């Protein structure tokens, strides 16, 4: 039986609290705002993650659940940020996690929970980017708030997420998807901003 005392978004938050906190700590420990060179690596990490989920933002089944989903896609903004810094994009040597055909909608919703949630917390990152002379108009476009504000933008997403009908098995797949997304970003942080890259930056 699916728990009803909290929303799906809140259940996802509780279920992924540990892996989410670990990711946040890894990002801060990587010092992505120490220099523009470090920040460029941060952008390449973001590029790969947003490439992984880009197909979700044009999936018909998902846009039926979240009508403004297409406008939320941030891959192009990350590429523009790299261009602002005259930095080469990361090498996309592997296939995206999601291709045009989405096999499982609950799993995809778990990944979107992570992708959309990252924009809610991006206000802090945007302030840090300002220390490097970057802004919503230059170099930190993908961290910008939506015109309706971060909180309202997040609430409209979670309202759609909560409204989706799911069985318990589908709820479990959504949780597994969110957990996998956090783990993917953590792996990308370590690959792009780990100790070896830190020494070279």
N, C-alpha and C. Protein backbone atom coordinates (compact mmCIF):
# COMPACT_ATOMS: atom_id res chain seq x y z
N UNK A 1 0.84 -1.21 0.00
CA UNK A 1 0.00 0.00 0.00
C UNK A 1 0.88 1.25 0.00
N UNK A 2 0.55 2.21 -0.85
CA UNK A 2 1.33 3.44 -0.97
C UNK A 2 1.03 4.36 0.21
N UNK A 3 2.06 4.90 0.81
CA UNK A 3 1.88 5.84 1.91
C UNK A 3 1.19 7.10 1.39
N UNK A 4 0.27 7.65 2.19
CA UNK A 4 -0.47 8.82 1.74
C UNK A 4 -0.26 10.03 2.64
N UNK A 5 0.51 9.88 3.73
CA UNK A 5 0.62 11.01 4.65
C UNK A 5 1.55 12.10 4.14
N UNK A 6 2.35 11.80 3.16
CA UNK A 6 3.21 12.82 2.57
C UNK A 6 3.11 12.74 1.06
N UNK A 7 3.54 13.81 0.41
CA UNK A 7 3.50 13.81 -1.05
C UNK A 7 4.61 12.92 -1.60
N UNK A 8 4.49 12.59 -2.88
CA UNK A 8 5.52 11.78 -3.52
C UNK A 8 6.87 12.50 -3.50
N UNK A 9 6.85 13.80 -3.76
CA UNK A 9 8.10 14.56 -3.74
C UNK A 9 8.76 14.49 -2.37
N UNK A 10 7.97 14.58 -1.31
CA UNK A 10 8.54 14.51 0.03
C UNK A 10 9.04 13.11 0.34
N UNK A 11 8.34 12.09 -0.16
CA UNK A 11 8.83 10.72 0.04
C UNK A 11 10.16 10.51 -0.70
N UNK A 12 10.25 11.06 -1.89
CA UNK A 12 11.51 10.95 -2.64
C UNK A 12 12.64 11.67 -1.90
N UNK A 13 12.33 12.83 -1.34
CA UNK A 13 13.33 13.57 -0.59
C UNK A 13 13.83 12.77 0.60
N UNK A 14 12.91 12.16 1.33
CA UNK A 14 13.30 11.37 2.50
C UNK A 14 14.11 10.14 2.10
N UNK A 15 13.69 9.49 1.02
CA UNK A 15 14.35 8.25 0.61
C UNK A 15 15.75 8.48 0.07
N UNK A 16 16.00 9.68 -0.47
CA UNK A 16 17.30 9.96 -1.09
C UNK A 16 18.14 10.94 -0.27
N UNK A 17 17.76 11.19 0.95
CA UNK A 17 18.44 12.20 1.75
C UNK A 17 19.94 11.93 1.88
N UNK A 18 20.30 10.68 2.15
CA UNK A 18 21.71 10.35 2.34
C UNK A 18 22.54 10.57 1.09
N UNK A 19 22.08 10.05 -0.04
CA UNK A 19 22.84 10.17 -1.28
C UNK A 19 22.86 11.62 -1.76
N UNK A 20 21.79 12.36 -1.48
CA UNK A 20 21.74 13.78 -1.85
C UNK A 20 22.74 14.58 -1.02
N UNK A 21 22.76 14.34 0.26
CA UNK A 21 23.71 15.05 1.12
C UNK A 21 25.15 14.73 0.73
N UNK A 22 25.40 13.47 0.41
CA UNK A 22 26.74 13.08 -0.01
C UNK A 22 27.18 13.80 -1.28
N UNK A 23 26.24 13.97 -2.21
CA UNK A 23 26.54 14.70 -3.44
C UNK A 23 26.84 16.16 -3.14
N UNK A 24 26.02 16.80 -2.32
CA UNK A 24 26.24 18.20 -1.99
C UNK A 24 27.62 18.41 -1.36
N UNK A 25 27.99 17.50 -0.47
CA UNK A 25 29.29 17.61 0.18
C UNK A 25 30.43 17.39 -0.81
N UNK A 26 30.23 16.47 -1.76
CA UNK A 26 31.26 16.22 -2.77
C UNK A 26 31.44 17.43 -3.68
N UNK A 27 30.35 18.09 -4.04
CA UNK A 27 30.44 19.27 -4.91
C UNK A 27 31.20 20.38 -4.20
N UNK A 28 30.85 20.64 -2.95
CA UNK A 28 31.52 21.71 -2.23
C UNK A 28 33.00 21.40 -1.98
N UNK A 29 33.29 20.13 -1.68
CA UNK A 29 34.68 19.73 -1.47
C UNK A 29 35.51 19.86 -2.74
N UNK A 30 34.85 19.78 -3.90
CA UNK A 30 35.55 19.88 -5.18
C UNK A 30 35.92 21.31 -5.56
N UNK A 31 35.42 22.30 -4.82
CA UNK A 31 35.76 23.70 -5.02
C UNK A 31 35.53 24.16 -6.48
N UNK A 32 34.32 23.97 -7.00
CA UNK A 32 34.07 24.32 -8.40
C UNK A 32 34.12 25.81 -8.70
N UNK A 33 34.08 26.64 -7.66
CA UNK A 33 34.09 28.08 -7.88
C UNK A 33 35.42 28.71 -7.46
N UNK A 34 36.44 27.90 -7.34
CA UNK A 34 37.76 28.39 -6.97
C UNK A 34 38.40 29.19 -8.09
N UNK A 35 38.09 28.81 -9.32
CA UNK A 35 38.64 29.51 -10.50
C UNK A 35 37.73 29.23 -11.69
N UNK A 36 37.90 30.00 -12.73
CA UNK A 36 37.10 29.74 -13.93
C UNK A 36 37.45 28.39 -14.55
N UNK A 37 38.70 27.96 -14.40
CA UNK A 37 39.09 26.65 -14.93
C UNK A 37 38.35 25.54 -14.20
N UNK A 38 38.25 25.67 -12.86
CA UNK A 38 37.50 24.69 -12.09
C UNK A 38 36.02 24.74 -12.46
N UNK A 39 35.52 25.94 -12.63
CA UNK A 39 34.10 26.08 -12.97
C UNK A 39 33.81 25.47 -14.34
N UNK A 40 34.74 25.59 -15.28
CA UNK A 40 34.54 24.98 -16.60
C UNK A 40 34.40 23.47 -16.48
N UNK A 41 35.16 22.87 -15.57
CA UNK A 41 35.01 21.42 -15.34
C UNK A 41 33.64 21.11 -14.73
N UNK A 42 33.18 21.99 -13.84
CA UNK A 42 31.85 21.85 -13.28
C UNK A 42 30.80 21.90 -14.40
N UNK A 43 30.99 22.82 -15.35
CA UNK A 43 30.06 22.91 -16.47
C UNK A 43 30.09 21.64 -17.32
N UNK A 44 31.25 21.07 -17.53
CA UNK A 44 31.33 19.84 -18.32
C UNK A 44 30.61 18.70 -17.61
N UNK A 45 30.72 18.66 -16.29
CA UNK A 45 29.97 17.68 -15.52
C UNK A 45 28.47 17.89 -15.69
N UNK A 46 28.03 19.15 -15.61
CA UNK A 46 26.63 19.47 -15.81
C UNK A 46 26.17 19.12 -17.23
N UNK A 47 27.06 19.37 -18.18
CA UNK A 47 26.74 19.07 -19.58
C UNK A 47 26.40 17.59 -19.75
N UNK A 48 27.22 16.72 -19.21
CA UNK A 48 26.99 15.29 -19.38
C UNK A 48 25.69 14.87 -18.70
N UNK A 49 25.43 15.38 -17.49
CA UNK A 49 24.20 15.01 -16.80
C UNK A 49 22.98 15.50 -17.57
N UNK A 50 23.00 16.75 -18.01
CA UNK A 50 21.84 17.27 -18.73
C UNK A 50 21.70 16.64 -20.11
N UNK A 51 22.80 16.18 -20.68
CA UNK A 51 22.73 15.38 -21.91
C UNK A 51 22.02 14.05 -21.61
N UNK A 52 22.34 13.46 -20.45
CA UNK A 52 21.73 12.18 -20.07
C UNK A 52 20.22 12.26 -20.01
N UNK A 53 19.69 13.40 -19.55
CA UNK A 53 18.24 13.52 -19.33
C UNK A 53 17.54 14.35 -20.40
N UNK A 54 18.27 14.84 -21.39
CA UNK A 54 17.67 15.76 -22.38
C UNK A 54 16.46 15.15 -23.08
N UNK A 55 16.50 13.86 -23.37
CA UNK A 55 15.39 13.22 -24.09
C UNK A 55 14.10 13.22 -23.28
N UNK A 56 14.22 13.26 -21.96
CA UNK A 56 13.02 13.25 -21.12
C UNK A 56 12.16 14.48 -21.36
N UNK A 57 12.79 15.60 -21.69
CA UNK A 57 12.08 16.86 -21.79
C UNK A 57 11.24 16.99 -23.06
N UNK A 58 11.37 16.03 -23.96
CA UNK A 58 10.53 16.04 -25.17
C UNK A 58 9.72 14.75 -25.31
N UNK A 59 9.68 13.96 -24.24
CA UNK A 59 8.91 12.72 -24.26
C UNK A 59 7.42 13.02 -24.10
N UNK A 60 6.60 12.48 -24.98
CA UNK A 60 5.18 12.81 -24.98
C UNK A 60 4.47 12.35 -23.70
N UNK A 61 4.80 11.19 -23.21
CA UNK A 61 4.15 10.69 -22.00
C UNK A 61 4.48 11.57 -20.80
N UNK A 62 5.72 12.05 -20.74
CA UNK A 62 6.13 12.91 -19.63
C UNK A 62 5.56 14.31 -19.76
N UNK A 63 5.52 14.84 -20.98
CA UNK A 63 4.97 16.19 -21.16
C UNK A 63 3.46 16.19 -20.94
N UNK A 64 2.80 15.03 -21.09
CA UNK A 64 1.39 14.94 -20.77
C UNK A 64 1.17 15.10 -19.26
N UNK A 65 2.15 14.64 -18.48
CA UNK A 65 2.08 14.76 -17.03
C UNK A 65 2.55 16.14 -16.56
N UNK A 66 3.57 16.69 -17.26
CA UNK A 66 4.19 17.96 -16.87
C UNK A 66 4.17 18.87 -18.10
N UNK A 67 3.11 19.63 -18.29
CA UNK A 67 2.92 20.38 -19.55
C UNK A 67 4.06 21.33 -19.92
N UNK A 68 4.73 21.95 -18.94
CA UNK A 68 5.80 22.90 -19.27
C UNK A 68 7.18 22.26 -19.28
N UNK A 69 7.21 20.93 -19.40
CA UNK A 69 8.48 20.21 -19.26
C UNK A 69 9.51 20.65 -20.29
N UNK A 70 9.12 20.82 -21.54
CA UNK A 70 10.08 21.15 -22.60
C UNK A 70 10.83 22.44 -22.29
N UNK A 71 10.14 23.41 -21.69
CA UNK A 71 10.76 24.71 -21.39
C UNK A 71 11.75 24.62 -20.24
N UNK A 72 11.73 23.51 -19.51
CA UNK A 72 12.62 23.35 -18.36
C UNK A 72 14.00 22.78 -18.74
N UNK A 73 14.16 22.34 -19.95
CA UNK A 73 15.41 21.71 -20.39
C UNK A 73 16.56 22.70 -20.32
N UNK A 74 17.71 22.27 -19.75
CA UNK A 74 18.82 23.20 -19.53
C UNK A 74 20.11 22.82 -20.25
N UNK A 75 20.07 21.77 -21.05
CA UNK A 75 21.29 21.33 -21.74
C UNK A 75 21.87 22.46 -22.61
N UNK A 76 21.03 23.12 -23.38
CA UNK A 76 21.51 24.18 -24.27
C UNK A 76 22.12 25.34 -23.49
N UNK A 77 21.54 25.62 -22.32
CA UNK A 77 22.08 26.70 -21.48
C UNK A 77 23.47 26.36 -20.97
N UNK A 78 23.70 25.09 -20.64
CA UNK A 78 25.04 24.68 -20.19
C UNK A 78 26.04 24.84 -21.33
N UNK A 79 25.66 24.43 -22.53
CA UNK A 79 26.54 24.59 -23.69
C UNK A 79 26.84 26.07 -23.93
N UNK A 80 25.83 26.93 -23.78
CA UNK A 80 26.04 28.37 -23.94
C UNK A 80 27.00 28.90 -22.87
N UNK A 81 26.89 28.39 -21.65
CA UNK A 81 27.79 28.81 -20.58
C UNK A 81 29.24 28.44 -20.92
N UNK A 82 29.45 27.26 -21.44
CA UNK A 82 30.79 26.85 -21.85
C UNK A 82 31.31 27.78 -22.95
N UNK A 83 30.43 28.14 -23.88
CA UNK A 83 30.82 29.07 -24.94
C UNK A 83 31.20 30.43 -24.41
N UNK A 84 30.47 30.91 -23.41
CA UNK A 84 30.80 32.19 -22.79
C UNK A 84 32.23 32.19 -22.25
N UNK A 85 32.62 31.06 -21.68
CA UNK A 85 33.95 30.94 -21.08
C UNK A 85 35.01 30.54 -22.11
N UNK A 86 34.59 30.38 -23.36
CA UNK A 86 35.48 29.91 -24.43
C UNK A 86 36.13 28.59 -24.02
N UNK A 87 35.32 27.74 -23.40
CA UNK A 87 35.77 26.43 -22.94
C UNK A 87 35.19 25.35 -23.84
N UNK A 88 35.98 24.35 -24.13
CA UNK A 88 35.51 23.25 -24.97
C UNK A 88 34.48 22.42 -24.20
N UNK A 89 33.42 21.98 -24.87
CA UNK A 89 32.47 21.09 -24.21
C UNK A 89 33.15 19.77 -23.82
N UNK A 90 32.55 19.08 -22.87
CA UNK A 90 33.06 17.78 -22.47
C UNK A 90 32.87 16.77 -23.59
N UNK A 91 33.67 15.74 -23.59
CA UNK A 91 33.57 14.68 -24.60
C UNK A 91 32.44 13.73 -24.20
N UNK A 92 31.43 13.65 -25.05
CA UNK A 92 30.29 12.77 -24.78
C UNK A 92 30.55 11.42 -25.44
N UNK A 93 31.44 10.65 -24.82
CA UNK A 93 31.90 9.41 -25.44
C UNK A 93 30.92 8.26 -25.24
N UNK A 94 30.12 8.32 -24.17
CA UNK A 94 29.16 7.25 -23.93
C UNK A 94 27.77 7.69 -24.37
N UNK A 95 26.83 6.76 -24.38
CA UNK A 95 25.47 7.08 -24.77
C UNK A 95 24.74 7.74 -23.60
N UNK A 96 23.76 8.60 -23.89
CA UNK A 96 22.97 9.19 -22.80
C UNK A 96 22.27 8.10 -21.99
N UNK A 97 22.00 8.39 -20.74
CA UNK A 97 21.25 7.44 -19.92
C UNK A 97 19.88 7.19 -20.53
N UNK A 98 19.25 8.25 -21.05
CA UNK A 98 17.94 8.13 -21.69
C UNK A 98 18.04 8.49 -23.17
N UNK A 99 17.52 7.60 -24.00
CA UNK A 99 17.43 7.87 -25.42
C UNK A 99 16.02 8.40 -25.70
N UNK A 100 15.67 8.55 -26.99
CA UNK A 100 14.37 9.11 -27.34
C UNK A 100 13.21 8.21 -26.87
N UNK A 101 13.43 6.91 -26.85
CA UNK A 101 12.40 6.00 -26.38
C UNK A 101 12.60 5.74 -24.89
N UNK A 102 11.66 6.23 -24.07
CA UNK A 102 11.76 6.08 -22.62
C UNK A 102 11.08 4.78 -22.22
N UNK A 103 11.85 3.88 -21.63
CA UNK A 103 11.32 2.56 -21.32
C UNK A 103 10.38 2.58 -20.12
N UNK A 104 10.68 3.40 -19.13
CA UNK A 104 9.92 3.34 -17.89
C UNK A 104 9.67 4.76 -17.36
N UNK A 105 8.42 5.17 -17.34
CA UNK A 105 8.07 6.54 -16.94
C UNK A 105 8.36 6.79 -15.45
N UNK A 106 8.03 5.91 -14.52
CA UNK A 106 8.35 6.17 -13.12
C UNK A 106 9.85 6.38 -12.88
N UNK A 107 10.68 5.57 -13.51
CA UNK A 107 12.13 5.75 -13.38
C UNK A 107 12.53 7.12 -13.91
N UNK A 108 11.98 7.49 -15.06
CA UNK A 108 12.28 8.80 -15.65
C UNK A 108 11.85 9.94 -14.73
N UNK A 109 10.72 9.79 -14.07
CA UNK A 109 10.25 10.82 -13.13
C UNK A 109 11.21 10.97 -11.96
N UNK A 110 11.81 9.86 -11.53
CA UNK A 110 12.81 9.95 -10.47
C UNK A 110 14.02 10.76 -10.90
N UNK A 111 14.46 10.56 -12.13
CA UNK A 111 15.59 11.34 -12.66
C UNK A 111 15.20 12.81 -12.81
N UNK A 112 13.99 13.08 -13.26
CA UNK A 112 13.55 14.47 -13.39
C UNK A 112 13.45 15.15 -12.03
N UNK A 113 13.08 14.42 -11.01
CA UNK A 113 13.04 14.97 -9.66
C UNK A 113 14.41 15.54 -9.28
N UNK A 114 15.46 14.83 -9.64
CA UNK A 114 16.82 15.29 -9.33
C UNK A 114 17.21 16.46 -10.22
N UNK A 115 16.93 16.36 -11.50
CA UNK A 115 17.30 17.43 -12.44
C UNK A 115 16.58 18.73 -12.09
N UNK A 116 15.30 18.65 -11.80
CA UNK A 116 14.53 19.85 -11.49
C UNK A 116 14.87 20.38 -10.09
N UNK A 117 15.12 19.49 -9.18
CA UNK A 117 15.49 19.91 -7.83
C UNK A 117 16.81 20.66 -7.80
N UNK A 118 17.70 20.33 -8.73
CA UNK A 118 18.99 21.01 -8.75
C UNK A 118 18.84 22.49 -9.07
N UNK A 119 17.80 22.83 -9.83
CA UNK A 119 17.57 24.26 -10.12
C UNK A 119 17.02 24.99 -8.91
N UNK A 120 16.27 24.29 -8.09
CA UNK A 120 15.75 24.91 -6.87
C UNK A 120 16.90 25.34 -5.96
N UNK A 121 17.95 24.52 -5.89
CA UNK A 121 19.07 24.85 -5.03
C UNK A 121 20.17 25.65 -5.70
N UNK A 122 19.94 26.06 -6.95
CA UNK A 122 21.00 26.72 -7.71
C UNK A 122 21.23 28.17 -7.32
N UNK A 123 20.36 28.74 -6.48
CA UNK A 123 20.55 30.14 -6.08
C UNK A 123 21.88 30.32 -5.37
N UNK A 124 22.22 29.38 -4.51
CA UNK A 124 23.50 29.43 -3.79
C UNK A 124 24.67 29.33 -4.77
N UNK A 125 24.55 28.45 -5.75
CA UNK A 125 25.62 28.28 -6.74
C UNK A 125 25.77 29.53 -7.60
N UNK A 126 24.65 30.17 -7.91
CA UNK A 126 24.70 31.38 -8.72
C UNK A 126 25.44 32.49 -7.99
N UNK A 127 25.22 32.59 -6.70
CA UNK A 127 25.94 33.59 -5.90
C UNK A 127 27.43 33.30 -5.90
N UNK A 128 27.79 32.02 -5.80
CA UNK A 128 29.20 31.65 -5.84
C UNK A 128 29.81 31.96 -7.21
N UNK A 129 29.04 31.71 -8.27
CA UNK A 129 29.53 32.00 -9.63
C UNK A 129 29.75 33.49 -9.83
N UNK A 130 28.97 34.32 -9.14
CA UNK A 130 29.14 35.77 -9.26
C UNK A 130 30.53 36.20 -8.81
N UNK A 131 31.14 35.45 -7.92
CA UNK A 131 32.50 35.74 -7.48
C UNK A 131 33.52 35.56 -8.58
N UNK A 132 33.13 34.84 -9.64
CA UNK A 132 34.00 34.65 -10.80
C UNK A 132 33.62 35.60 -11.94
N UNK A 133 32.73 36.56 -11.65
CA UNK A 133 32.29 37.49 -12.68
C UNK A 133 31.26 36.91 -13.62
N UNK A 134 30.53 35.89 -13.16
CA UNK A 134 29.54 35.22 -13.99
C UNK A 134 28.14 35.58 -13.52
N UNK A 135 27.15 35.41 -14.41
CA UNK A 135 25.78 35.79 -14.08
C UNK A 135 24.81 34.97 -14.92
N UNK A 136 23.51 35.25 -14.71
CA UNK A 136 22.47 34.58 -15.51
C UNK A 136 22.60 34.90 -16.99
N UNK A 137 23.29 35.97 -17.31
CA UNK A 137 23.44 36.38 -18.71
C UNK A 137 24.78 35.97 -19.30
N UNK A 138 25.71 35.52 -18.47
CA UNK A 138 27.04 35.17 -18.95
C UNK A 138 27.66 34.09 -18.06
N UNK A 139 27.82 32.92 -18.63
CA UNK A 139 28.56 31.86 -17.95
C UNK A 139 27.81 31.05 -16.93
N UNK A 140 26.68 31.56 -16.45
CA UNK A 140 25.92 30.82 -15.45
C UNK A 140 24.43 30.81 -15.82
N UNK A 141 24.18 30.74 -17.11
CA UNK A 141 22.80 30.76 -17.60
C UNK A 141 21.98 29.59 -17.04
N UNK A 142 22.62 28.42 -16.96
CA UNK A 142 21.88 27.23 -16.55
C UNK A 142 21.51 27.25 -15.06
N UNK A 143 22.08 28.20 -14.31
CA UNK A 143 21.75 28.34 -12.90
C UNK A 143 20.66 29.38 -12.65
N UNK A 144 20.21 30.03 -13.70
CA UNK A 144 19.24 31.11 -13.55
C UNK A 144 17.89 30.59 -13.07
N UNK A 145 17.18 31.43 -12.34
CA UNK A 145 15.82 31.10 -11.93
C UNK A 145 14.88 31.27 -13.12
N UNK A 146 13.78 30.57 -13.10
CA UNK A 146 12.76 30.74 -14.13
C UNK A 146 12.04 32.07 -13.90
N UNK A 147 11.35 32.59 -14.91
CA UNK A 147 10.65 33.87 -14.74
C UNK A 147 9.63 33.86 -13.60
N UNK A 148 9.05 32.70 -13.30
CA UNK A 148 8.06 32.64 -12.23
C UNK A 148 8.68 32.38 -10.86
N UNK A 149 10.02 32.35 -10.78
CA UNK A 149 10.69 32.17 -9.50
C UNK A 149 10.98 30.71 -9.21
N UNK A 150 12.05 30.48 -8.48
CA UNK A 150 12.46 29.09 -8.21
C UNK A 150 11.40 28.31 -7.44
N UNK A 151 10.86 28.92 -6.40
CA UNK A 151 9.92 28.20 -5.54
C UNK A 151 8.65 27.80 -6.30
N UNK A 152 8.07 28.74 -7.04
CA UNK A 152 6.86 28.44 -7.79
C UNK A 152 7.14 27.44 -8.90
N UNK A 153 8.30 27.55 -9.53
CA UNK A 153 8.68 26.62 -10.59
C UNK A 153 8.78 25.21 -10.03
N UNK A 154 9.37 25.07 -8.85
CA UNK A 154 9.51 23.77 -8.20
C UNK A 154 8.14 23.25 -7.77
N UNK A 155 7.32 24.12 -7.21
CA UNK A 155 5.99 23.69 -6.75
C UNK A 155 5.13 23.19 -7.90
N UNK A 156 5.22 23.83 -9.05
CA UNK A 156 4.42 23.38 -10.18
C UNK A 156 4.91 22.01 -10.67
N UNK A 157 6.23 21.78 -10.59
CA UNK A 157 6.76 20.47 -10.96
C UNK A 157 6.31 19.41 -9.98
N UNK A 158 6.47 19.67 -8.68
CA UNK A 158 6.11 18.65 -7.69
C UNK A 158 4.61 18.39 -7.66
N UNK A 159 3.79 19.40 -7.98
CA UNK A 159 2.35 19.18 -8.06
C UNK A 159 2.03 18.17 -9.16
N UNK A 160 2.71 18.30 -10.30
CA UNK A 160 2.51 17.35 -11.40
C UNK A 160 3.06 15.98 -11.03
N UNK A 161 4.22 15.96 -10.39
CA UNK A 161 4.82 14.70 -9.95
C UNK A 161 3.89 13.98 -8.97
N UNK A 162 3.36 14.71 -8.02
CA UNK A 162 2.48 14.12 -7.01
C UNK A 162 1.18 13.61 -7.61
N UNK A 163 0.73 14.24 -8.68
CA UNK A 163 -0.56 13.89 -9.28
C UNK A 163 -0.51 12.63 -10.13
N UNK A 164 0.69 12.22 -10.53
CA UNK A 164 0.82 11.02 -11.37
C UNK A 164 0.39 9.78 -10.59
N UNK A 165 -0.45 8.98 -11.19
CA UNK A 165 -0.92 7.76 -10.54
C UNK A 165 0.14 6.67 -10.67
N UNK A 166 0.48 6.04 -9.55
CA UNK A 166 1.49 4.99 -9.54
C UNK A 166 1.09 3.86 -8.60
N UNK A 167 1.47 2.65 -8.97
CA UNK A 167 1.39 1.52 -8.05
C UNK A 167 2.59 1.57 -7.12
N UNK A 168 2.61 0.71 -6.11
CA UNK A 168 3.76 0.69 -5.21
C UNK A 168 5.03 0.31 -5.96
N UNK A 169 4.92 -0.62 -6.90
CA UNK A 169 6.10 -1.01 -7.68
C UNK A 169 6.63 0.16 -8.49
N UNK A 170 5.73 0.97 -9.03
CA UNK A 170 6.16 2.14 -9.79
C UNK A 170 6.77 3.20 -8.87
N UNK A 171 6.20 3.36 -7.67
CA UNK A 171 6.80 4.26 -6.68
C UNK A 171 8.24 3.85 -6.39
N UNK A 172 8.44 2.56 -6.25
CA UNK A 172 9.79 2.04 -5.96
C UNK A 172 10.74 2.34 -7.10
N UNK A 173 10.25 2.24 -8.34
CA UNK A 173 11.11 2.53 -9.49
C UNK A 173 11.43 4.01 -9.57
N UNK A 174 10.48 4.87 -9.19
CA UNK A 174 10.76 6.31 -9.15
C UNK A 174 11.84 6.62 -8.13
N UNK A 175 11.76 5.98 -6.97
CA UNK A 175 12.78 6.18 -5.94
C UNK A 175 14.14 5.67 -6.42
N UNK A 176 14.13 4.51 -7.07
CA UNK A 176 15.39 3.98 -7.60
C UNK A 176 15.96 4.90 -8.67
N UNK A 177 15.09 5.50 -9.48
CA UNK A 177 15.55 6.44 -10.50
C UNK A 177 16.20 7.66 -9.90
N UNK A 178 15.58 8.22 -8.86
CA UNK A 178 16.16 9.39 -8.20
C UNK A 178 17.50 9.05 -7.57
N UNK A 179 17.57 7.89 -6.93
CA UNK A 179 18.83 7.46 -6.30
C UNK A 179 19.92 7.29 -7.35
N UNK A 180 19.56 6.69 -8.48
CA UNK A 180 20.53 6.49 -9.56
C UNK A 180 21.00 7.82 -10.13
N UNK A 181 20.09 8.79 -10.23
CA UNK A 181 20.46 10.11 -10.76
C UNK A 181 21.45 10.81 -9.84
N UNK A 182 21.21 10.78 -8.54
CA UNK A 182 22.15 11.38 -7.59
C UNK A 182 23.51 10.68 -7.70
N UNK A 183 23.50 9.36 -7.82
CA UNK A 183 24.75 8.62 -7.92
C UNK A 183 25.48 8.96 -9.22
N UNK A 184 24.75 9.16 -10.30
CA UNK A 184 25.36 9.53 -11.58
C UNK A 184 26.06 10.88 -11.47
N UNK A 185 25.38 11.86 -10.85
CA UNK A 185 26.00 13.18 -10.71
C UNK A 185 27.23 13.07 -9.82
N UNK A 186 27.16 12.28 -8.76
CA UNK A 186 28.31 12.11 -7.87
C UNK A 186 29.50 11.53 -8.65
N UNK A 187 29.24 10.56 -9.49
CA UNK A 187 30.32 9.97 -10.31
C UNK A 187 30.90 11.00 -11.27
N UNK A 188 30.04 11.85 -11.83
CA UNK A 188 30.52 12.89 -12.75
C UNK A 188 31.35 13.94 -12.01
N UNK A 189 30.94 14.28 -10.79
CA UNK A 189 31.74 15.22 -9.98
C UNK A 189 33.13 14.65 -9.75
N UNK A 190 33.19 13.39 -9.39
CA UNK A 190 34.49 12.76 -9.12
C UNK A 190 35.33 12.65 -10.38
N UNK A 191 34.68 12.41 -11.52
CA UNK A 191 35.43 12.28 -12.78
C UNK A 191 35.97 13.62 -13.27
N UNK A 192 35.21 14.68 -13.09
CA UNK A 192 35.59 16.00 -13.61
C UNK A 192 36.29 16.90 -12.60
N UNK A 193 35.99 16.69 -11.34
CA UNK A 193 36.50 17.59 -10.31
C UNK A 193 37.18 16.84 -9.16
N UNK A 194 37.58 15.62 -9.44
CA UNK A 194 38.23 14.82 -8.40
C UNK A 194 39.65 15.26 -8.12
N UNK A 195 40.35 14.52 -7.23
CA UNK A 195 41.70 14.92 -6.80
C UNK A 195 42.69 15.14 -7.95
N UNK A 196 42.66 14.27 -8.96
CA UNK A 196 43.61 14.40 -10.06
C UNK A 196 43.38 15.71 -10.82
N UNK A 197 42.08 16.00 -11.08
CA UNK A 197 41.74 17.22 -11.79
C UNK A 197 42.04 18.45 -10.91
N UNK A 198 41.83 18.28 -9.61
CA UNK A 198 42.10 19.40 -8.68
C UNK A 198 43.55 19.80 -8.72
N UNK A 199 44.43 18.81 -8.79
CA UNK A 199 45.87 19.09 -8.82
C UNK A 199 46.26 19.77 -10.11
N UNK A 200 45.53 19.46 -11.19
CA UNK A 200 45.90 20.00 -12.49
C UNK A 200 45.32 21.39 -12.72
N UNK A 201 44.25 21.71 -12.00
CA UNK A 201 43.56 22.98 -12.26
C UNK A 201 44.36 24.17 -11.77
